[in-house]
Amino acid sequence: MAASCAASGRWTRSLAPVAATVLLAAACSSDEPHTLTFDVTGEGSFAITYVINGRSTTEPQVRPPWRKDITLAEQGEDTWSLSIRRLGAGSVSAVAYVDGRLITSTAGSGTSGGGTSSLSGSVG
């Protein structure tokens, strides 16, 4: 799932083979910094990897709730992704916000480890 701000100031999206719900109602400006927020809730434990403009960070053992605020660059387009891998049985819900506005969400559950939920997009 990808979301980006078009020249018109409206968010656009493209669909990838990931189960996700998208709510797009944000206007944006590429001249100002943006705040990207990830919120992860659920049961169990997870390995979380987020990639901002090609730079990857992994948190190998996370118990929800987990939240991360990231300030994105002031100029150009920023790309991002979030991947959550269940380490055992449980459920997960993840939401991405840009400047406090809901951009995309995903959820999953299972009785064994190995399931992955992902979000991605761009701002600029």
PDB file of N, CA and C in Angstrom:
ATOM      1  N   MET A   1       0.853  -1.158   0.000  1.00  0.00           N
ATOM      2  CA  MET A   1       0.000   0.000   0.000  1.00  0.00           C
ATOM      3  C   MET A   1       0.895   1.215   0.000  1.00  0.00           C
ATOM      4  N   ALA A   2       0.685   2.132  -0.902  1.00  0.00           N
ATOM      5  CA  ALA A   2       1.499   3.332  -0.959  1.00  0.00           C
ATOM      6  C   ALA A   2       0.592   4.544  -1.006  1.00  0.00           C
ATOM      7  N   ALA A   3       1.010   5.586  -0.329  1.00  0.00           N
ATOM      8  CA  ALA A   3       0.271   6.839  -0.343  1.00  0.00           C
ATOM      9  C   ALA A   3       1.243   7.949  -0.624  1.00  0.00           C
ATOM     10  N   SER A   4       0.846   8.898  -1.443  1.00  0.00           N
ATOM     11  CA  SER A   4       1.718  10.023  -1.734  1.00  0.00           C
ATOM     12  C   SER A   4       0.877  11.260  -1.949  1.00  0.00           C
ATOM     13  N   CYS A   5       1.508  12.397  -1.792  1.00  0.00           N
ATOM     14  CA  CYS A   5       0.824  13.665  -1.965  1.00  0.00           C
ATOM     15  C   CYS A   5       1.055  14.134  -3.383  1.00  0.00           C
ATOM     16  N   ALA A   6       0.004  14.264  -4.160  1.00  0.00           N
ATOM     17  CA  ALA A   6       0.102  14.727  -5.534  1.00  0.00           C
ATOM     18  C   ALA A   6       0.217  16.243  -5.555  1.00  0.00           C
ATOM     19  N   ALA A   7       0.536  16.803  -6.703  1.00  0.00           N
ATOM     20  CA  ALA A   7       0.689  18.246  -6.837  1.00  0.00           C
ATOM     21  C   ALA A   7      -0.574  18.991  -6.435  1.00  0.00           C
ATOM     22  N   SER A   8      -1.712  18.347  -6.509  1.00  0.00           N
ATOM     23  CA  SER A   8      -2.968  18.993  -6.150  1.00  0.00           C
ATOM     24  C   SER A   8      -3.139  19.143  -4.645  1.00  0.00           C
ATOM     25  N   GLY A   9      -2.246  18.532  -3.842  1.00  0.00           N
ATOM     26  CA  GLY A   9      -2.367  18.600  -2.395  1.00  0.00           C
ATOM     27  C   GLY A   9      -3.255  17.524  -1.827  1.00  0.00           C
ATOM     28  N   ARG A  10      -3.723  16.574  -2.621  1.00  0.00           N
ATOM     29  CA  ARG A  10      -4.548  15.454  -2.150  1.00  0.00           C
ATOM     30  C   ARG A  10      -3.683  14.208  -2.137  1.00  0.00           C
ATOM     31  N   TRP A  11      -3.949  13.310  -1.226  1.00  0.00           N
ATOM     32  CA  TRP A  11      -3.214  12.053  -1.155  1.00  0.00           C
ATOM     33  C   TRP A  11      -3.694  11.121  -2.243  1.00  0.00           C
ATOM     34  N   THR A  12      -2.749  10.430  -2.876  1.00  0.00           N
ATOM     35  CA  THR A  12      -3.076   9.400  -3.855  1.00  0.00           C
ATOM     36  C   THR A  12      -2.551   8.083  -3.311  1.00  0.00           C
ATOM     37  N   ARG A  13      -2.990   6.976  -3.886  1.00  0.00           N
ATOM     38  CA  ARG A  13      -2.526   5.686  -3.400  1.00  0.00           C
ATOM     39  C   ARG A  13      -2.369   4.702  -4.532  1.00  0.00           C
ATOM     40  N   SER A  14      -1.501   3.726  -4.292  1.00  0.00           N
ATOM     41  CA  SER A  14      -1.406   2.578  -5.180  1.00  0.00           C
ATOM     42  C   SER A  14      -1.491   1.343  -4.309  1.00  0.00           C
ATOM     43  N   LEU A  15      -2.097   0.297  -4.818  1.00  0.00           N
ATOM     44  CA  LEU A  15      -2.325  -0.909  -4.031  1.00  0.00           C
ATOM     45  C   LEU A  15      -1.262  -1.946  -4.321  1.00  0.00           C
ATOM     46  N   ALA A  16      -0.731  -2.546  -3.270  1.00  0.00           N
ATOM     47  CA  ALA A  16       0.201  -3.660  -3.365  1.00  0.00           C
ATOM     48  C   ALA A  16      -0.512  -4.877  -2.788  1.00  0.00           C
ATOM     49  N   PRO A  17       0.027  -6.074  -2.948  1.00  0.00           N
ATOM     50  CA  PRO A  17      -0.656  -7.264  -2.435  1.00  0.00           C
ATOM     51  C   PRO A  17      -0.526  -7.390  -0.917  1.00  0.00           C
ATOM     52  N   VAL A  18      -1.052  -6.409  -0.195  1.00  0.00           N
ATOM     53  CA  VAL A  18      -1.043  -6.397   1.259  1.00  0.00           C
ATOM     54  C   VAL A  18      -2.451  -6.062   1.711  1.00  0.00           C
ATOM     55  N   ALA A  19      -2.977  -6.809   2.679  1.00  0.00           N
ATOM     56  CA  ALA A  19      -4.312  -6.521   3.198  1.00  0.00           C
ATOM     57  C   ALA A  19      -4.224  -5.267   4.044  1.00  0.00           C
ATOM     58  N   ALA A  20      -4.893  -4.209   3.619  1.00  0.00           N
ATOM     59  CA  ALA A  20      -4.838  -2.949   4.360  1.00  0.00           C
ATOM     60  C   ALA A  20      -6.083  -2.137   4.077  1.00  0.00           C
ATOM     61  N   THR A  21      -6.392  -1.271   5.007  1.00  0.00           N
ATOM     62  CA  THR A  21      -7.483  -0.326   4.845  1.00  0.00           C
ATOM     63  C   THR A  21      -6.871   1.046   4.686  1.00  0.00           C
ATOM     64  N   VAL A  22      -7.333   1.810   3.720  1.00  0.00           N
ATOM     65  CA  VAL A  22      -6.746   3.118   3.468  1.00  0.00           C
ATOM     66  C   VAL A  22      -7.808   4.189   3.600  1.00  0.00           C
ATOM     67  N   LEU A  23      -7.507   5.177   4.382  1.00  0.00           N
ATOM     68  CA  LEU A  23      -8.350   6.355   4.519  1.00  0.00           C
ATOM     69  C   LEU A  23      -7.475   7.543   4.170  1.00  0.00           C
ATOM     70  N   LEU A  24      -7.792   8.228   3.097  1.00  0.00           N
ATOM     71  CA  LEU A  24      -6.947   9.308   2.631  1.00  0.00           C
ATOM     72  C   LEU A  24      -7.738  10.605   2.599  1.00  0.00           C
ATOM     73  N   ALA A  25      -7.379  11.529   3.469  1.00  0.00           N
ATOM     74  CA  ALA A  25      -8.082  12.793   3.502  1.00  0.00           C
ATOM     75  C   ALA A  25      -7.142  13.936   3.828  1.00  0.00           C
ATOM     76  N   ALA A  26      -5.835  13.706   3.728  1.00  0.00           N
ATOM     77  CA  ALA A  26      -4.876  14.707   4.157  1.00  0.00           C
ATOM     78  C   ALA A  26      -4.431  15.578   2.993  1.00  0.00           C
ATOM     79  N   ALA A  27      -4.287  16.836   3.268  1.00  0.00           N
ATOM     80  CA  ALA A  27      -3.648  17.749   2.329  1.00  0.00           C
ATOM     81  C   ALA A  27      -2.223  17.924   2.815  1.00  0.00           C
ATOM     82  N   CYS A  28      -1.283  18.230   1.907  1.00  0.00           N
ATOM     83  CA  CYS A  28       0.094  18.351   2.340  1.00  0.00           C
ATOM     84  C   CYS A  28       0.825  19.385   1.508  1.00  0.00           C
ATOM     85  N   SER A  29       1.984  19.760   1.997  1.00  0.00           N
ATOM     86  CA  SER A  29       2.839  20.700   1.308  1.00  0.00           C
ATOM     87  C   SER A  29       4.242  20.145   1.332  1.00  0.00           C
ATOM     88  N   SER A  30       4.913  20.126   0.199  1.00  0.00           N
ATOM     89  CA  SER A  30       6.267  19.581   0.149  1.00  0.00           C
ATOM     90  C   SER A  30       7.284  20.577   0.685  1.00  0.00           C
ATOM     91  N   ASP A  31       6.864  21.811   1.042  1.00  0.00           N
ATOM     92  CA  ASP A  31       7.780  22.829   1.536  1.00  0.00           C
ATOM     93  C   ASP A  31       7.983  22.768   3.043  1.00  0.00           C
ATOM     94  N   GLU A  32       7.255  21.927   3.742  1.00  0.00           N
ATOM     95  CA  GLU A  32       7.333  21.868   5.191  1.00  0.00           C
ATOM     96  C   GLU A  32       7.708  20.458   5.635  1.00  0.00           C
ATOM     97  N   PRO A  33       8.370  20.346   6.812  1.00  0.00           N
ATOM     98  CA  PRO A  33       8.619  18.993   7.328  1.00  0.00           C
ATOM     99  C   PRO A  33       7.306  18.334   7.724  1.00  0.00           C
ATOM    100  N   HIS A  34       7.283  17.014   7.655  1.00  0.00           N
ATOM    101  CA  HIS A  34       6.105  16.237   8.027  1.00  0.00           C
ATOM    102  C   HIS A  34       6.477  15.292   9.164  1.00  0.00           C
ATOM    103  N   THR A  35       5.487  14.936   9.971  1.00  0.00           N
ATOM    104  CA  THR A  35       5.699  13.946  11.029  1.00  0.00           C
ATOM    105  C   THR A  35       4.959  12.671  10.649  1.00  0.00           C
ATOM    106  N   LEU A  36       5.709  11.589  10.535  1.00  0.00           N
ATOM    107  CA  LEU A  36       5.164  10.263  10.272  1.00  0.00           C
ATOM    108  C   LEU A  36       5.088   9.547  11.610  1.00  0.00           C
ATOM    109  N   THR A  37       3.919   8.996  11.928  1.00  0.00           N
ATOM    110  CA  THR A  37       3.720   8.286  13.186  1.00  0.00           C
ATOM    111  C   THR A  37       3.227   6.875  12.901  1.00  0.00           C
ATOM    112  N   PHE A  38       3.891   5.898  13.511  1.00  0.00           N
ATOM    113  CA  PHE A  38       3.449   4.516  13.460  1.00  0.00           C
ATOM    114  C   PHE A  38       2.886   4.162  14.829  1.00  0.00           C
ATOM    115  N   ASP A  39       1.699   3.562  14.868  1.00  0.00           N
ATOM    116  CA  ASP A  39       1.099   3.036  16.097  1.00  0.00           C
ATOM    117  C   ASP A  39       0.820   1.560  15.882  1.00  0.00           C
ATOM    118  N   VAL A  40       1.360   0.712  16.751  1.00  0.00           N
ATOM    119  CA  VAL A  40       1.156  -0.733  16.655  1.00  0.00           C
ATOM    120  C   VAL A  40       0.539  -1.207  17.966  1.00  0.00           C
ATOM    121  N   THR A  41      -0.581  -1.918  17.865  1.00  0.00           N
ATOM    122  CA  THR A  41      -1.233  -2.511  19.026  1.00  0.00           C
ATOM    123  C   THR A  41      -1.467  -3.987  18.746  1.00  0.00           C
ATOM    124  N   GLY A  42      -1.822  -4.732  19.759  1.00  0.00           N
ATOM    125  CA  GLY A  42      -2.121  -6.143  19.564  1.00  0.00           C
ATOM    126  C   GLY A  42      -1.736  -6.965  20.765  1.00  0.00           C
ATOM    127  N   GLU A  43      -1.554  -8.258  20.517  1.00  0.00           N
ATOM    128  CA  GLU A  43      -1.195  -9.229  21.551  1.00  0.00           C
ATOM    129  C   GLU A  43      -0.001 -10.025  21.056  1.00  0.00           C
ATOM    130  N   GLY A  44       0.886 -10.379  21.964  1.00  0.00           N
ATOM    131  CA  GLY A  44       2.054 -11.165  21.595  1.00  0.00           C
ATOM    132  C   GLY A  44       3.278 -10.289  21.484  1.00  0.00           C
ATOM    133  N   SER A  45       4.264 -10.780  20.752  1.00  0.00           N
ATOM    134  CA  SER A  45       5.481 -10.003  20.530  1.00  0.00           C
ATOM    135  C   SER A  45       5.810 -10.007  19.039  1.00  0.00           C
ATOM    136  N   PHE A  46       6.565  -8.989  18.638  1.00  0.00           N
ATOM    137  CA  PHE A  46       6.814  -8.749  17.220  1.00  0.00           C
ATOM    138  C   PHE A  46       8.252  -8.314  16.987  1.00  0.00           C
ATOM    139  N   ALA A  47       8.711  -8.521  15.768  1.00  0.00           N
ATOM    140  CA  ALA A  47       9.918  -7.886  15.266  1.00  0.00           C
ATOM    141  C   ALA A  47       9.424  -6.801  14.319  1.00  0.00           C
ATOM    142  N   ILE A  48       9.848  -5.569  14.547  1.00  0.00           N
ATOM    143  CA  ILE A  48       9.385  -4.444  13.735  1.00  0.00           C
ATOM    144  C   ILE A  48      10.563  -3.861  12.974  1.00  0.00           C
ATOM    145  N   THR A  49      10.379  -3.686  11.667  1.00  0.00           N
ATOM    146  CA  THR A  49      11.378  -3.025  10.828  1.00  0.00           C
ATOM    147  C   THR A  49      10.703  -1.868  10.123  1.00  0.00           C
ATOM    148  N   TYR A  50      11.307  -0.694  10.220  1.00  0.00           N
ATOM    149  CA  TYR A  50      10.809   0.438   9.442  1.00  0.00           C
ATOM    150  C   TYR A  50      11.955   0.992   8.609  1.00  0.00           C
ATOM    151  N   VAL A  51      11.615   1.420   7.412  1.00  0.00           N
ATOM    152  CA  VAL A  51      12.591   1.937   6.455  1.00  0.00           C
ATOM    153  C   VAL A  51      12.146   3.335   6.059  1.00  0.00           C
ATOM    154  N   ILE A  52      13.016   4.308   6.270  1.00  0.00           N
ATOM    155  CA  ILE A  52      12.753   5.695   5.902  1.00  0.00           C
ATOM    156  C   ILE A  52      13.811   6.101   4.890  1.00  0.00           C
ATOM    157  N   ASN A  53      13.386   6.421   3.672  1.00  0.00           N
ATOM    158  CA  ASN A  53      14.304   6.837   2.608  1.00  0.00           C
ATOM    159  C   ASN A  53      15.475   5.870   2.445  1.00  0.00           C
ATOM    160  N   GLY A  54      15.174   4.569   2.495  1.00  0.00           N
ATOM    161  CA  GLY A  54      16.190   3.542   2.279  1.00  0.00           C
ATOM    162  C   GLY A  54      16.996   3.157   3.504  1.00  0.00           C
ATOM    163  N   ARG A  55      16.820   3.844   4.626  1.00  0.00           N
ATOM    164  CA  ARG A  55      17.554   3.534   5.860  1.00  0.00           C
ATOM    165  C   ARG A  55      16.679   2.674   6.766  1.00  0.00           C
ATOM    166  N   SER A  56      17.158   1.470   7.027  1.00  0.00           N
ATOM    167  CA  SER A  56      16.378   0.479   7.761  1.00  0.00           C
ATOM    168  C   SER A  56      16.751   0.452   9.241  1.00  0.00           C
ATOM    169  N   THR A  57      15.719   0.331  10.082  1.00  0.00           N
ATOM    170  CA  THR A  57      15.897   0.161  11.525  1.00  0.00           C
ATOM    171  C   THR A  57      15.032  -1.015  11.956  1.00  0.00           C
ATOM    172  N   THR A  58      15.618  -1.936  12.729  1.00  0.00           N
ATOM    173  CA  THR A  58      14.869  -3.097  13.214  1.00  0.00           C
ATOM    174  C   THR A  58      14.868  -3.097  14.737  1.00  0.00           C
ATOM    175  N   GLU A  59      13.701  -3.322  15.298  1.00  0.00           N
ATOM    176  CA  GLU A  59      13.546  -3.552  16.725  1.00  0.00           C
ATOM    177  C   GLU A  59      13.123  -5.017  16.856  1.00  0.00           C
ATOM    178  N   PRO A  60      14.057  -5.902  17.286  1.00  0.00           N
ATOM    179  CA  PRO A  60      13.840  -7.344  17.175  1.00  0.00           C
ATOM    180  C   PRO A  60      12.820  -7.953  18.128  1.00  0.00           C
ATOM    181  N   GLN A  61      12.511  -7.310  19.237  1.00  0.00           N
ATOM    182  CA  GLN A  61      11.585  -7.891  20.214  1.00  0.00           C
ATOM    183  C   GLN A  61      10.744  -6.768  20.813  1.00  0.00           C
ATOM    184  N   VAL A  62       9.523  -6.587  20.292  1.00  0.00           N
ATOM    185  CA  VAL A  62       8.643  -5.504  20.725  1.00  0.00           C
ATOM    186  C   VAL A  62       7.342  -6.102  21.241  1.00  0.00           C
ATOM    187  N   ARG A  63       6.881  -5.578  22.366  1.00  0.00           N
ATOM    188  CA  ARG A  63       5.553  -5.933  22.881  1.00  0.00           C
ATOM    189  C   ARG A  63       4.690  -4.689  22.762  1.00  0.00           C
ATOM    190  N   PRO A  64       3.489  -4.832  22.228  1.00  0.00           N
ATOM    191  CA  PRO A  64       2.620  -3.664  22.050  1.00  0.00           C
ATOM    192  C   PRO A  64       2.108  -3.127  23.383  1.00  0.00           C
ATOM    193  N   PRO A  65       1.720  -1.883  23.446  1.00  0.00           N
ATOM    194  CA  PRO A  65       1.672  -0.940  22.324  1.00  0.00           C
ATOM    195  C   PRO A  65       3.061  -0.383  22.016  1.00  0.00           C
ATOM    196  N   TRP A  66       3.289  -0.068  20.743  1.00  0.00           N
ATOM    197  CA  TRP A  66       4.539   0.506  20.254  1.00  0.00           C
ATOM    198  C   TRP A  66       4.195   1.703  19.393  1.00  0.00           C
ATOM    199  N   ARG A  67       4.906   2.810  19.583  1.00  0.00           N
ATOM    200  CA  ARG A  67       4.654   4.027  18.812  1.00  0.00           C
ATOM    201  C   ARG A  67       5.993   4.638  18.434  1.00  0.00           C
ATOM    202  N   LYS A  68       6.067   5.151  17.203  1.00  0.00           N
ATOM    203  CA  LYS A  68       7.279   5.803  16.722  1.00  0.00           C
ATOM    204  C   LYS A  68       6.882   7.046  15.942  1.00  0.00           C
ATOM    205  N   ASP A  69       7.440   8.206  16.330  1.00  0.00           N
ATOM    206  CA  ASP A  69       7.261   9.466  15.601  1.00  0.00           C
ATOM    207  C   ASP A  69       8.550   9.775  14.872  1.00  0.00           C
ATOM    208  N   ILE A  70       8.449  10.084  13.579  1.00  0.00           N
ATOM    209  CA  ILE A  70       9.619  10.350  12.754  1.00  0.00           C
ATOM    210  C   ILE A  70       9.384  11.660  12.008  1.00  0.00           C
ATOM    211  N   THR A  71      10.333  12.587  12.101  1.00  0.00           N
ATOM    212  CA  THR A  71      10.252  13.832  11.342  1.00  0.00           C
ATOM    213  C   THR A  71      10.881  13.590   9.979  1.00  0.00           C
ATOM    214  N   LEU A  72      10.111  13.868   8.927  1.00  0.00           N
ATOM    215  CA  LEU A  72      10.577  13.651   7.561  1.00  0.00           C
ATOM    216  C   LEU A  72      11.219  14.932   7.018  1.00  0.00           C
ATOM    217  N   ALA A  73      12.092  14.794   6.043  1.00  0.00           N
ATOM    218  CA  ALA A  73      12.849  15.911   5.465  1.00  0.00           C
ATOM    219  C   ALA A  73      11.938  17.027   4.972  1.00  0.00           C
ATOM    220  N   GLU A  74      12.487  18.217   4.913  1.00  0.00           N
ATOM    221  CA  GLU A  74      11.718  19.385   4.506  1.00  0.00           C
ATOM    222  C   GLU A  74      11.501  19.478   3.000  1.00  0.00           C
ATOM    223  N   GLN A  75      12.403  18.947   2.187  1.00  0.00           N
ATOM    224  CA  GLN A  75      12.269  19.074   0.739  1.00  0.00           C
ATOM    225  C   GLN A  75      12.327  17.704   0.082  1.00  0.00           C
ATOM    226  N   GLY A  76      11.676  17.576  -1.063  1.00  0.00           N
ATOM    227  CA  GLY A  76      11.698  16.326  -1.807  1.00  0.00           C
ATOM    228  C   GLY A  76      10.691  15.325  -1.273  1.00  0.00           C
ATOM    229  N   GLU A  77      10.743  14.134  -1.843  1.00  0.00           N
ATOM    230  CA  GLU A  77       9.812  13.078  -1.457  1.00  0.00           C
ATOM    231  C   GLU A  77      10.477  12.114  -0.493  1.00  0.00           C
ATOM    232  N   ASP A  78       9.782  11.807   0.592  1.00  0.00           N
ATOM    233  CA  ASP A  78      10.241  10.822   1.562  1.00  0.00           C
ATOM    234  C   ASP A  78       9.458   9.535   1.345  1.00  0.00           C
ATOM    235  N   THR A  79      10.149   8.402   1.325  1.00  0.00           N
ATOM    236  CA  THR A  79       9.478   7.109   1.218  1.00  0.00           C
ATOM    237  C   THR A  79       9.648   6.372   2.532  1.00  0.00           C
ATOM    238  N   TRP A  80       8.668   5.543   2.854  1.00  0.00           N
ATOM    239  CA  TRP A  80       8.697   4.820   4.118  1.00  0.00           C
ATOM    240  C   TRP A  80       7.982   3.486   4.002  1.00  0.00           C
ATOM    241  N   SER A  81       8.355   2.567   4.880  1.00  0.00           N
ATOM    242  CA  SER A  81       7.638   1.306   5.001  1.00  0.00           C
ATOM    243  C   SER A  81       7.762   0.815   6.444  1.00  0.00           C
ATOM    244  N   LEU A  82       6.807   0.012   6.839  1.00  0.00           N
ATOM    245  CA  LEU A  82       6.771  -0.597   8.168  1.00  0.00           C
ATOM    246  C   LEU A  82       6.411  -2.063   7.981  1.00  0.00           C
ATOM    247  N   SER A  83       7.190  -2.950   8.565  1.00  0.00           N
ATOM    248  CA  SER A  83       6.932  -4.383   8.492  1.00  0.00           C
ATOM    249  C   SER A  83       6.912  -4.935   9.908  1.00  0.00           C
ATOM    250  N   ILE A  84       5.861  -5.682  10.232  1.00  0.00           N
ATOM    251  CA  ILE A  84       5.686  -6.247  11.563  1.00  0.00           C
ATOM    252  C   ILE A  84       5.581  -7.760  11.417  1.00  0.00           C
ATOM    253  N   ARG A  85       6.514  -8.478  12.022  1.00  0.00           N
ATOM    254  CA  ARG A  85       6.509  -9.948  11.951  1.00  0.00           C
ATOM    255  C   ARG A  85       6.149 -10.493  13.329  1.00  0.00           C
ATOM    256  N   ARG A  86       5.073 -11.278  13.385  1.00  0.00           N
ATOM    257  CA  ARG A  86       4.690 -11.922  14.645  1.00  0.00           C
ATOM    258  C   ARG A  86       5.735 -12.951  15.029  1.00  0.00           C
ATOM    259  N   LEU A  87       6.100 -12.972  16.316  1.00  0.00           N
ATOM    260  CA  LEU A  87       7.078 -13.931  16.815  1.00  0.00           C
ATOM    261  C   LEU A  87       6.416 -15.134  17.475  1.00  0.00           C
ATOM    262  N   GLY A  88       5.110 -15.156  17.526  1.00  0.00           N
ATOM    263  CA  GLY A  88       4.332 -16.249  18.107  1.00  0.00           C
ATOM    264  C   GLY A  88       2.872 -15.988  17.842  1.00  0.00           C
ATOM    265  N   ALA A  89       2.015 -16.665  18.578  1.00  0.00           N
ATOM    266  CA  ALA A  89       0.575 -16.462  18.416  1.00  0.00           C
ATOM    267  C   ALA A  89       0.205 -15.058  18.864  1.00  0.00           C
ATOM    268  N   GLY A  90      -0.828 -14.516  18.247  1.00  0.00           N
ATOM    269  CA  GLY A  90      -1.309 -13.197  18.651  1.00  0.00           C
ATOM    270  C   GLY A  90      -1.914 -12.435  17.495  1.00  0.00           C
ATOM    271  N   SER A  91      -2.269 -11.196  17.786  1.00  0.00           N
ATOM    272  CA  SER A  91      -2.860 -10.336  16.770  1.00  0.00           C
ATOM    273  C   SER A  91      -2.099  -9.024  16.735  1.00  0.00           C
ATOM    274  N   VAL A  92      -2.216  -8.322  15.615  1.00  0.00           N
ATOM    275  CA  VAL A  92      -1.535  -7.037  15.465  1.00  0.00           C
ATOM    276  C   VAL A  92      -2.403  -6.102  14.635  1.00  0.00           C
ATOM    277  N   SER A  93      -2.377  -4.845  15.004  1.00  0.00           N
ATOM    278  CA  SER A  93      -2.980  -3.772  14.210  1.00  0.00           C
ATOM    279  C   SER A  93      -1.950  -2.661  14.118  1.00  0.00           C
ATOM    280  N   ALA A  94      -1.785  -2.097  12.932  1.00  0.00           N
ATOM    281  CA  ALA A  94      -0.824  -1.009  12.737  1.00  0.00           C
ATOM    282  C   ALA A  94      -1.494   0.113  11.967  1.00  0.00           C
ATOM    283  N   VAL A  95      -1.165   1.334  12.353  1.00  0.00           N
ATOM    284  CA  VAL A  95      -1.726   2.519  11.726  1.00  0.00           C
ATOM    285  C   VAL A  95      -0.582   3.484  11.441  1.00  0.00           C
ATOM    286  N   ALA A  96      -0.629   4.133  10.280  1.00  0.00           N
ATOM    287  CA  ALA A  96       0.343   5.172   9.936  1.00  0.00           C
ATOM    288  C   ALA A  96      -0.398   6.496   9.777  1.00  0.00           C
ATOM    289  N   TYR A  97       0.152   7.526  10.396  1.00  0.00           N
ATOM    290  CA  TYR A  97      -0.385   8.880  10.301  1.00  0.00           C
ATOM    291  C   TYR A  97       0.690   9.790   9.711  1.00  0.00           C
ATOM    292  N   VAL A  98       0.281  10.785   8.948  1.00  0.00           N
ATOM    293  CA  VAL A  98       1.174  11.855   8.531  1.00  0.00           C
ATOM    294  C   VAL A  98       0.550  13.147   9.034  1.00  0.00           C
ATOM    295  N   ASP A  99       1.327  13.863   9.829  1.00  0.00           N
ATOM    296  CA  ASP A  99       0.864  15.117  10.429  1.00  0.00           C
ATOM    297  C   ASP A  99      -0.452  14.932  11.173  1.00  0.00           C
ATOM    298  N   GLY A 100      -0.595  13.794  11.857  1.00  0.00           N
ATOM    299  CA  GLY A 100      -1.775  13.521  12.671  1.00  0.00           C
ATOM    300  C   GLY A 100      -2.987  13.027  11.921  1.00  0.00           C
ATOM    301  N   ARG A 101      -2.877  12.849  10.615  1.00  0.00           N
ATOM    302  CA  ARG A 101      -4.004  12.370   9.806  1.00  0.00           C
ATOM    303  C   ARG A 101      -3.767  10.926   9.393  1.00  0.00           C
ATOM    304  N   LEU A 102      -4.788  10.102   9.604  1.00  0.00           N
ATOM    305  CA  LEU A 102      -4.708   8.690   9.256  1.00  0.00           C
ATOM    306  C   LEU A 102      -4.443   8.525   7.763  1.00  0.00           C
ATOM    307  N   ILE A 103      -3.417   7.724   7.434  1.00  0.00           N
ATOM    308  CA  ILE A 103      -3.069   7.476   6.035  1.00  0.00           C
ATOM    309  C   ILE A 103      -3.406   6.049   5.632  1.00  0.00           C
ATOM    310  N   THR A 104      -2.986   5.078   6.443  1.00  0.00           N
ATOM    311  CA  THR A 104      -3.223   3.684   6.098  1.00  0.00           C
ATOM    312  C   THR A 104      -3.160   2.820   7.357  1.00  0.00           C
ATOM    313  N   SER A 105      -3.764   1.643   7.292  1.00  0.00           N
ATOM    314  CA  SER A 105      -3.736   0.714   8.426  1.00  0.00           C
ATOM    315  C   SER A 105      -3.767  -0.713   7.922  1.00  0.00           C
ATOM    316  N   THR A 106      -3.371  -1.636   8.803  1.00  0.00           N
ATOM    317  CA  THR A 106      -3.394  -3.053   8.487  1.00  0.00           C
ATOM    318  C   THR A 106      -3.588  -3.832   9.784  1.00  0.00           C
ATOM    319  N   ALA A 107      -4.018  -5.071   9.672  1.00  0.00           N
ATOM    320  CA  ALA A 107      -4.216  -5.915  10.846  1.00  0.00           C
ATOM    321  C   ALA A 107      -4.036  -7.375  10.451  1.00  0.00           C
ATOM    322  N   GLY A 108      -3.687  -8.198  11.440  1.00  0.00           N
ATOM    323  CA  GLY A 108      -3.549  -9.624  11.198  1.00  0.00           C
ATOM    324  C   GLY A 108      -3.533 -10.384  12.501  1.00  0.00           C
ATOM    325  N   SER A 109      -3.720 -11.694  12.424  1.00  0.00           N
ATOM    326  CA  SER A 109      -3.662 -12.539  13.613  1.00  0.00           C
ATOM    327  C   SER A 109      -3.315 -13.959  13.188  1.00  0.00           C
ATOM    328  N   GLY A 110      -2.902 -14.753  14.163  1.00  0.00           N
ATOM    329  CA  GLY A 110      -2.587 -16.142  13.874  1.00  0.00           C
ATOM    330  C   GLY A 110      -2.257 -16.900  15.129  1.00  0.00           C
ATOM    331  N   THR A 111      -2.207 -18.225  15.007  1.00  0.00           N
ATOM    332  CA  THR A 111      -1.936 -19.077  16.157  1.00  0.00           C
ATOM    333  C   THR A 111      -0.478 -19.496  16.234  1.00  0.00           C
ATOM    334  N   SER A 112       0.311 -19.142  15.234  1.00  0.00           N
ATOM    335  CA  SER A 112       1.743 -19.449  15.268  1.00  0.00           C
ATOM    336  C   SER A 112       2.514 -18.252  14.730  1.00  0.00           C
ATOM    337  N   GLY A 113       3.823 -18.261  14.894  1.00  0.00           N
ATOM    338  CA  GLY A 113       4.656 -17.149  14.457  1.00  0.00           C
ATOM    339  C   GLY A 113       4.842 -17.111  12.958  1.00  0.00           C
ATOM    340  N   GLY A 114       5.452 -16.034  12.500  1.00  0.00           N
ATOM    341  CA  GLY A 114       5.813 -15.939  11.102  1.00  0.00           C
ATOM    342  C   GLY A 114       4.918 -15.076  10.251  1.00  0.00           C
ATOM    343  N   GLY A 115       3.741 -14.702  10.720  1.00  0.00           N
ATOM    344  CA  GLY A 115       2.883 -13.822   9.936  1.00  0.00           C
ATOM    345  C   GLY A 115       3.452 -12.418   9.880  1.00  0.00           C
ATOM    346  N   THR A 116       3.282 -11.754   8.753  1.00  0.00           N
ATOM    347  CA  THR A 116       3.813 -10.407   8.576  1.00  0.00           C
ATOM    348  C   THR A 116       2.727  -9.471   8.094  1.00  0.00           C
ATOM    349  N   SER A 117       2.694  -8.266   8.658  1.00  0.00           N
ATOM    350  CA  SER A 117       1.828  -7.192   8.204  1.00  0.00           C
ATOM    351  C   SER A 117       2.702  -6.025   7.790  1.00  0.00           C
ATOM    352  N   SER A 118       2.323  -5.329   6.718  1.00  0.00           N
ATOM    353  CA  SER A 118       3.170  -4.260   6.194  1.00  0.00           C
ATOM    354  C   SER A 118       2.372  -3.045   5.779  1.00  0.00           C
ATOM    355  N   LEU A 119       3.009  -1.880   5.865  1.00  0.00           N
ATOM    356  CA  LEU A 119       2.470  -0.622   5.374  1.00  0.00           C
ATOM    357  C   LEU A 119       3.595   0.079   4.626  1.00  0.00           C
ATOM    358  N   SER A 120       3.250   0.906   3.647  1.00  0.00           N
ATOM    359  CA  SER A 120       4.288   1.709   2.983  1.00  0.00           C
ATOM    360  C   SER A 120       3.639   2.908   2.327  1.00  0.00           C
ATOM    361  N   GLY A 121       4.464   3.890   2.004  1.00  0.00           N
ATOM    362  CA  GLY A 121       3.954   5.077   1.335  1.00  0.00           C
ATOM    363  C   GLY A 121       5.056   6.078   1.065  1.00  0.00           C
ATOM    364  N   SER A 122       4.640   7.248   0.623  1.00  0.00           N
ATOM    365  CA  SER A 122       5.572   8.342   0.376  1.00  0.00           C
ATOM    366  C   SER A 122       4.895   9.658   0.682  1.00  0.00           C
ATOM    367  N   VAL A 123       5.698  10.644   1.045  1.00  0.00           N
ATOM    368  CA  VAL A 123       5.215  11.973   1.369  1.00  0.00           C
ATOM    369  C   VAL A 123       6.131  12.963   0.678  1.00  0.00           C
ATOM    370  N   GLY A 124       5.549  13.936   0.027  1.00  0.00           N
ATOM    371  CA  GLY A 124       6.408  14.961  -0.579  1.00  0.00           C
ATOM    372  C   GLY A 124       5.733  15.707  -1.651  1.00  0.00           C
TER     373      GLY A 124
END
